[in-house]
């Protein structure tokens, strides 16, 4: 039994040896660049690197839950989270939860850097633009929304491939990320890599903007509340703000997430027909998996940003 599992592992490594070597080389280079960036004099660049590290750790660590969420939303019926876990494990084993991991990994490295660099930059801009006449929450929301919009222009093709690898690769038959990109461009154009991008942009720009606005607003409030003693309450404030931000943002945008995932998995899907078919199910389908995933991910994510930020001498909530 044990020797059989070892043989399967050896066969897997042999079959995917090129992918493993590329991944190892990329990770080593990425790690070296991150280490060298600690001494950078550019605060926005350091914030980008810290955000990239936190993002890739969280996305990679929670990928299996994301797979469950994706599968639940493209399933014909409204299936529970645990039922979907059993269904994937029985049919595909542990490997079923790891499908699309490479697209998640490479995409999240770039996504984290671009988003946090732009967010830091736009927060300064919108703070000057709105001045003292508007609630500071508008600054957080607009900075997050605009930063996320530009980030997703780069990240969307990776997420599209990830979603299809997780859900219906028996239809698309992608071998890896370069093959997926090449196949889509050959069958259509670069525009093929952005199919379903409008609902995706609406979903994630809205979700991330709500998440960051709630987080930043609650952290800014606690800094005023605790004053000089804030450092003693920083961890608990961070936990509370990140949990509420993740839960509220993901819960409110669940209906958009259902549309987004179904459109990515089924490019010819008519959104109006999906809405007529699902109706109230748009708001409930896979919502437990999404809220649990995003709230827990949010806690880990913002704590990582906080701790990694200390290494890079940057702070997300620096108001």
Protein backbone atom coordinates (compact mmCIF):
# COMPACT_ATOMS: atom_id res chain seq x y z
CA UNK A 1 0.00 0.00 0.00
CA UNK A 2 2.74 2.46 1.01
CA UNK A 3 5.00 1.43 -1.88
CA UNK A 4 2.06 1.93 -4.23
CA UNK A 5 1.59 5.52 -3.01
CA UNK A 6 5.32 6.21 -3.29
CA UNK A 7 5.31 4.89 -6.85
CA UNK A 8 2.36 7.14 -7.72
CA UNK A 9 4.22 10.13 -6.26
CA UNK A 10 7.36 9.27 -8.25
CA UNK A 11 5.33 8.87 -11.45
CA UNK A 12 3.61 12.20 -10.80
CA UNK A 13 6.93 14.01 -10.29
CA UNK A 14 8.37 12.43 -13.45
CA UNK A 15 5.35 13.36 -15.55
CA UNK A 16 5.32 16.95 -14.22
CA UNK A 17 9.11 17.36 -13.95
CA UNK A 18 9.26 20.40 -16.25
CA UNK A 19 6.50 22.17 -14.34
CA UNK A 20 8.22 21.39 -11.02
CA UNK A 21 11.59 22.71 -12.25
CA UNK A 22 10.03 25.92 -13.60
CA UNK A 23 8.12 26.41 -10.35
CA UNK A 24 11.23 25.84 -8.23
CA UNK A 25 13.31 28.26 -10.32
CA UNK A 26 10.58 30.91 -10.20
CA UNK A 27 10.14 30.53 -6.43
CA UNK A 28 13.90 30.81 -5.81
CA UNK A 29 14.16 33.95 -7.97
CA UNK A 30 11.06 35.47 -6.37
CA UNK A 31 12.38 34.77 -2.88
CA UNK A 32 15.74 36.35 -3.68
CA UNK A 33 14.09 39.49 -5.10
CA UNK A 34 11.84 39.80 -2.04
CA UNK A 35 14.83 39.57 0.29
CA UNK A 36 16.76 42.21 -1.64
CA UNK A 37 13.72 44.54 -1.60
CA UNK A 38 13.83 44.93 2.20
CA UNK A 39 16.47 47.64 1.81
CA UNK A 40 14.66 49.53 -0.96
CA UNK A 41 14.25 53.26 -0.27
CA UNK A 42 10.91 53.38 -2.10
CA UNK A 43 8.06 52.88 0.40
CA UNK A 44 5.45 52.14 -2.29
CA UNK A 45 7.69 49.45 -3.78
CA UNK A 46 8.25 47.87 -0.34
CA UNK A 47 4.48 47.91 0.26
CA UNK A 48 4.00 46.13 -3.06
CA UNK A 49 6.50 43.40 -2.18
CA UNK A 50 4.99 42.90 1.29
CA UNK A 51 1.51 42.71 -0.27
CA UNK A 52 2.72 40.24 -2.89
CA UNK A 53 4.18 37.92 -0.25
CA UNK A 54 1.04 38.05 1.89
CA UNK A 55 -1.19 37.52 -1.13
CA UNK A 56 0.66 34.51 -2.53
CA UNK A 57 0.78 32.84 0.91
CA UNK A 58 -2.94 33.27 1.43
CA UNK A 59 -4.05 32.35 -2.11
CA UNK A 60 -1.84 29.25 -2.15
CA UNK A 61 -2.88 28.22 1.37
CA UNK A 62 -6.61 28.63 0.72
CA UNK A 63 -6.66 27.29 -2.83
CA UNK A 64 -8.40 24.07 -1.82
CA UNK A 65 -11.32 26.00 -0.30
CA UNK A 66 -11.53 28.17 -3.41
CA UNK A 67 -11.80 24.99 -5.49
CA UNK A 68 -14.74 23.83 -3.37
CA UNK A 69 -16.37 27.26 -3.79
CA UNK A 70 -15.93 27.18 -7.59
CA UNK A 71 -17.25 23.63 -7.93
CA UNK A 72 -20.29 24.43 -5.75
CA UNK A 73 -21.23 27.40 -7.91
CA UNK A 74 -21.06 25.56 -11.26
CA UNK A 75 -22.91 22.53 -9.88
CA UNK A 76 -26.40 22.01 -11.30
CA UNK A 77 -28.04 22.03 -7.87
CA UNK A 78 -27.47 24.02 -4.68
CA UNK A 79 -25.06 21.64 -2.92
CA UNK A 80 -23.60 22.06 0.58
CA UNK A 81 -19.91 22.65 1.20
CA UNK A 82 -19.31 19.28 2.90
CA UNK A 83 -21.19 17.40 0.18
CA UNK A 84 -18.96 19.00 -2.42
CA UNK A 85 -15.83 18.09 -0.41
CA UNK A 86 -16.91 14.43 -0.34
CA UNK A 87 -17.84 14.50 -4.03
CA UNK A 88 -14.44 15.85 -5.10
CA UNK A 89 -12.46 13.51 -2.81
CA UNK A 90 -14.32 10.35 -3.83
CA UNK A 91 -14.06 11.10 -7.55
CA UNK A 92 -10.61 12.71 -7.83
CA UNK A 93 -8.78 12.27 -4.53
CA UNK A 94 -6.56 14.97 -3.02
CA UNK A 95 -5.41 16.08 -6.48
CA UNK A 96 -8.94 17.32 -7.21
CA UNK A 97 -8.50 20.11 -4.65
CA UNK A 98 -5.20 21.27 -6.24
CA UNK A 99 -6.38 21.82 -9.80
CA UNK A 100 -5.54 25.28 -11.08
CA UNK A 101 -2.87 25.82 -8.40
CA UNK A 102 -0.16 27.00 -10.82
CA UNK A 103 -2.42 29.73 -12.26
CA UNK A 104 -3.32 30.75 -8.71
CA UNK A 105 0.33 30.87 -7.64
CA UNK A 106 1.83 32.86 -10.50
CA UNK A 107 -1.15 35.16 -10.78
CA UNK A 108 -1.22 36.00 -7.07
CA UNK A 109 2.47 37.00 -7.05
CA UNK A 110 1.85 39.68 -9.67
CA UNK A 111 -1.61 40.58 -8.38
CA UNK A 112 -0.41 41.27 -4.83
CA UNK A 113 2.43 43.52 -5.93
CA UNK A 114 0.37 45.55 -8.40
CA UNK A 115 -2.59 45.99 -6.06
CA UNK A 116 -0.72 47.08 -2.94
CA UNK A 117 1.60 49.43 -4.82
CA UNK A 118 -1.34 51.12 -6.53
CA UNK A 119 -3.50 51.13 -3.40
CA UNK A 120 -0.81 52.94 -1.42
CA UNK A 121 -0.34 55.40 -4.28
CA UNK A 122 -4.05 56.05 -4.90
CA UNK A 123 -4.79 56.42 -1.20
CA UNK A 124 -2.43 59.39 -1.08
CA UNK A 125 -4.01 60.83 -4.23
CA UNK A 126 -7.64 60.47 -3.12
CA UNK A 127 -6.87 61.79 0.34
CA UNK A 128 -5.64 65.01 -1.26
CA UNK A 129 -8.49 64.99 -3.80
CA UNK A 130 -11.34 64.64 -1.27
CA UNK A 131 -9.65 66.68 1.44
CA UNK A 132 -11.28 67.00 4.86
CA UNK A 133 -14.81 67.59 3.51
CA UNK A 134 -15.59 63.90 2.85
CA UNK A 135 -15.69 60.86 5.09
CA UNK A 136 -12.31 59.08 5.00
CA UNK A 137 -14.17 55.88 4.01
CA UNK A 138 -14.59 57.33 0.50
CA UNK A 139 -10.82 57.60 0.21
CA UNK A 140 -10.37 53.93 1.15
CA UNK A 141 -13.17 52.78 -1.15
CA UNK A 142 -12.05 54.72 -4.23
CA UNK A 143 -8.35 53.87 -3.77
CA UNK A 144 -9.19 50.18 -3.38
CA UNK A 145 -11.66 50.13 -6.29
CA UNK A 146 -9.30 51.81 -8.77
CA UNK A 147 -6.28 49.75 -7.65
CA UNK A 148 -8.26 46.52 -7.94
CA UNK A 149 -9.55 47.48 -11.40
CA UNK A 150 -6.05 47.93 -12.83
CA UNK A 151 -4.79 44.83 -11.02
CA UNK A 152 -7.52 42.62 -12.47
CA UNK A 153 -6.69 43.68 -16.02
CA UNK A 154 -3.42 41.78 -15.52
CA UNK A 155 -4.76 39.04 -13.24
CA UNK A 156 -8.02 38.12 -15.01
CA UNK A 157 -6.53 35.72 -17.63
CA UNK A 158 -4.87 33.75 -14.81
CA UNK A 159 -8.13 33.57 -12.88
CA UNK A 160 -10.03 32.51 -16.00
CA UNK A 161 -7.64 29.61 -16.57
CA UNK A 162 -7.67 28.73 -12.86
CA UNK A 163 -11.46 28.61 -12.78
CA UNK A 164 -11.63 26.37 -15.84
CA UNK A 165 -8.92 24.04 -14.51
CA UNK A 166 -10.81 23.79 -11.22
CA UNK A 167 -14.22 23.17 -12.74
CA UNK A 168 -14.45 21.98 -16.37
CA UNK A 169 -11.04 21.22 -17.80
CA UNK A 170 -12.53 18.08 -19.37
CA UNK A 171 -14.11 20.57 -21.80
CA UNK A 172 -11.15 22.95 -22.32
CA UNK A 173 -8.34 20.36 -22.02
CA UNK A 174 -5.62 22.80 -20.88
CA UNK A 175 -2.24 21.17 -20.20
CA UNK A 176 -0.70 24.17 -18.41
CA UNK A 177 -0.87 27.98 -18.29
CA UNK A 178 1.14 28.70 -21.50
CA UNK A 179 -0.92 26.09 -23.38
CA UNK A 180 -4.15 27.63 -22.06
CA UNK A 181 -3.16 31.16 -23.11
CA UNK A 182 -1.91 29.95 -26.51
CA UNK A 183 -5.05 27.89 -27.17
CA UNK A 184 -7.42 30.75 -26.35
CA UNK A 185 -5.50 33.26 -28.49
CA UNK A 186 -5.31 30.84 -31.45
CA UNK A 187 -9.03 30.07 -31.28
CA UNK A 188 -9.97 33.74 -31.11
CA UNK A 189 -7.70 36.57 -30.01
CA UNK A 190 -6.33 38.11 -26.82
CA UNK A 191 -9.95 39.12 -26.17
CA UNK A 192 -10.69 35.41 -25.59
CA UNK A 193 -8.67 35.64 -22.37
CA UNK A 194 -11.12 38.28 -21.12
CA UNK A 195 -14.39 36.42 -21.66
CA UNK A 196 -16.67 37.06 -18.69
CA UNK A 197 -14.40 39.83 -17.45
CA UNK A 198 -17.17 42.39 -16.86
CA UNK A 199 -19.00 40.46 -14.10
CA UNK A 200 -15.58 39.47 -12.71
CA UNK A 201 -14.46 43.10 -12.49
CA UNK A 202 -17.74 44.12 -10.85
CA UNK A 203 -17.53 41.23 -8.38
CA UNK A 204 -13.97 41.64 -7.21
CA UNK A 205 -13.72 45.42 -7.40
CA UNK A 206 -16.85 45.61 -5.22
CA UNK A 207 -15.82 42.83 -2.83
CA UNK A 208 -12.24 44.02 -2.29
CA UNK A 209 -13.31 47.66 -2.01
CA UNK A 210 -15.86 46.81 0.69
CA UNK A 211 -13.35 44.58 2.48
CA UNK A 212 -10.58 47.18 2.54
CA UNK A 213 -12.91 50.07 3.35
CA UNK A 214 -14.36 48.27 6.38
CA UNK A 215 -10.91 47.12 7.50
CA UNK A 216 -9.24 50.52 7.15
CA UNK A 217 -12.18 52.40 8.69
CA UNK A 218 -12.32 50.11 11.73
CA UNK A 219 -8.54 50.25 12.21
CA UNK A 220 -8.54 54.07 11.94
CA UNK A 221 -11.38 54.22 14.49
CA UNK A 222 -9.51 51.98 16.94
CA UNK A 223 -6.34 54.06 16.58
CA UNK A 224 -8.34 57.10 17.72
CA UNK A 225 -10.13 55.10 20.42
CA UNK A 226 -7.00 53.58 22.00
CA UNK A 227 -4.60 56.44 21.26
CA UNK A 228 -1.10 55.76 22.55
CA UNK A 229 -2.18 52.31 23.78
CA UNK A 230 -3.15 51.13 20.28
CA UNK A 231 -0.09 48.87 19.99
CA UNK A 232 -1.46 46.82 22.90
CA UNK A 233 -4.72 46.31 21.00
CA UNK A 234 -3.33 46.11 17.45
CA UNK A 235 -3.68 42.34 17.07
CA UNK A 236 -7.27 42.15 18.36
CA UNK A 237 -8.28 45.20 16.28
CA UNK A 238 -6.71 43.62 13.20
CA UNK A 239 -8.54 40.32 13.79
CA UNK A 240 -11.91 42.01 14.24
CA UNK A 241 -11.59 44.41 11.30
CA UNK A 242 -10.30 41.75 8.90
CA UNK A 243 -13.01 39.21 9.81
CA UNK A 244 -15.89 41.68 9.42
CA UNK A 245 -14.43 43.12 6.22
CA UNK A 246 -14.05 39.68 4.62
CA UNK A 247 -17.44 38.36 5.73
CA UNK A 248 -19.45 41.44 4.72
CA UNK A 249 -17.67 41.99 1.41
CA UNK A 250 -18.02 38.36 0.29
CA UNK A 251 -21.60 37.96 1.50
CA UNK A 252 -22.90 41.04 -0.29
CA UNK A 253 -21.19 40.15 -3.58
CA UNK A 254 -22.01 36.40 -3.61
CA UNK A 255 -24.66 36.81 -6.33
CA UNK A 256 -22.08 38.45 -8.61
CA UNK A 257 -19.61 35.65 -7.84
CA UNK A 258 -22.13 33.00 -8.96
CA UNK A 259 -22.58 34.82 -12.28
CA UNK A 260 -18.82 35.32 -12.72
CA UNK A 261 -17.82 31.70 -12.11
CA UNK A 262 -20.58 30.29 -14.32
CA UNK A 263 -19.65 32.69 -17.13
CA UNK A 264 -15.98 31.72 -16.88
CA UNK A 265 -16.78 27.99 -16.89
CA UNK A 266 -19.38 28.34 -19.67
CA UNK A 267 -18.27 31.10 -22.12
CA UNK A 268 -21.50 30.87 -24.16
CA UNK A 269 -23.72 31.25 -21.10
CA UNK A 270 -26.52 33.82 -21.30
CA UNK A 271 -26.42 35.76 -18.03
CA UNK A 272 -30.11 36.71 -18.25
CA UNK A 273 -31.08 33.04 -18.57
CA UNK A 274 -28.87 32.16 -15.59
CA UNK A 275 -30.57 34.83 -13.45
CA UNK A 276 -34.02 33.55 -14.49
CA UNK A 277 -32.99 29.99 -13.68
CA UNK A 278 -31.30 30.61 -10.33
CA UNK A 279 -33.40 33.53 -9.04
CA UNK A 280 -32.93 33.67 -5.26
CA UNK A 281 -30.31 30.93 -5.55
CA UNK A 282 -27.89 33.57 -6.87
CA UNK A 283 -27.72 34.97 -3.34
CA UNK A 284 -27.40 31.63 -1.53
CA UNK A 285 -25.55 29.26 -3.89
CA UNK A 286 -22.18 28.45 -2.36
CA UNK A 287 -22.50 31.38 0.04
CA UNK A 288 -21.30 29.45 3.10
CA UNK A 289 -18.13 28.30 1.34
CA UNK A 290 -17.52 31.83 0.03
CA UNK A 291 -18.11 33.64 3.34
CA UNK A 292 -16.09 31.10 5.33
CA UNK A 293 -13.31 31.20 2.75
CA UNK A 294 -13.16 35.00 2.52
CA UNK A 295 -13.55 35.77 6.23
CA UNK A 296 -10.87 33.26 7.27
CA UNK A 297 -8.67 34.30 4.34
CA UNK A 298 -9.14 37.95 5.30
CA UNK A 299 -7.98 37.30 8.88
CA UNK A 300 -4.85 35.47 7.74
CA UNK A 301 -4.23 37.96 4.94
CA UNK A 302 -4.37 41.18 6.96
CA UNK A 303 -2.34 39.65 9.78
CA UNK A 304 0.31 38.61 7.27
CA UNK A 305 0.29 42.12 5.77
CA UNK A 306 0.73 43.53 9.26
CA UNK A 307 3.63 41.24 10.25
CA UNK A 308 5.39 41.22 6.87
CA UNK A 309 4.91 44.99 6.75
CA UNK A 310 6.97 45.29 9.93
CA UNK A 311 9.83 43.46 8.19
CA UNK A 312 9.63 45.86 5.25
CA UNK A 313 9.01 48.87 7.50
CA UNK A 314 5.65 49.70 5.88
CA UNK A 315 2.11 49.87 7.23
CA UNK A 316 -1.12 49.44 5.29
CA UNK A 317 -3.29 51.41 7.70
CA UNK A 318 -0.96 54.35 8.30
CA UNK A 319 -3.45 57.17 8.88
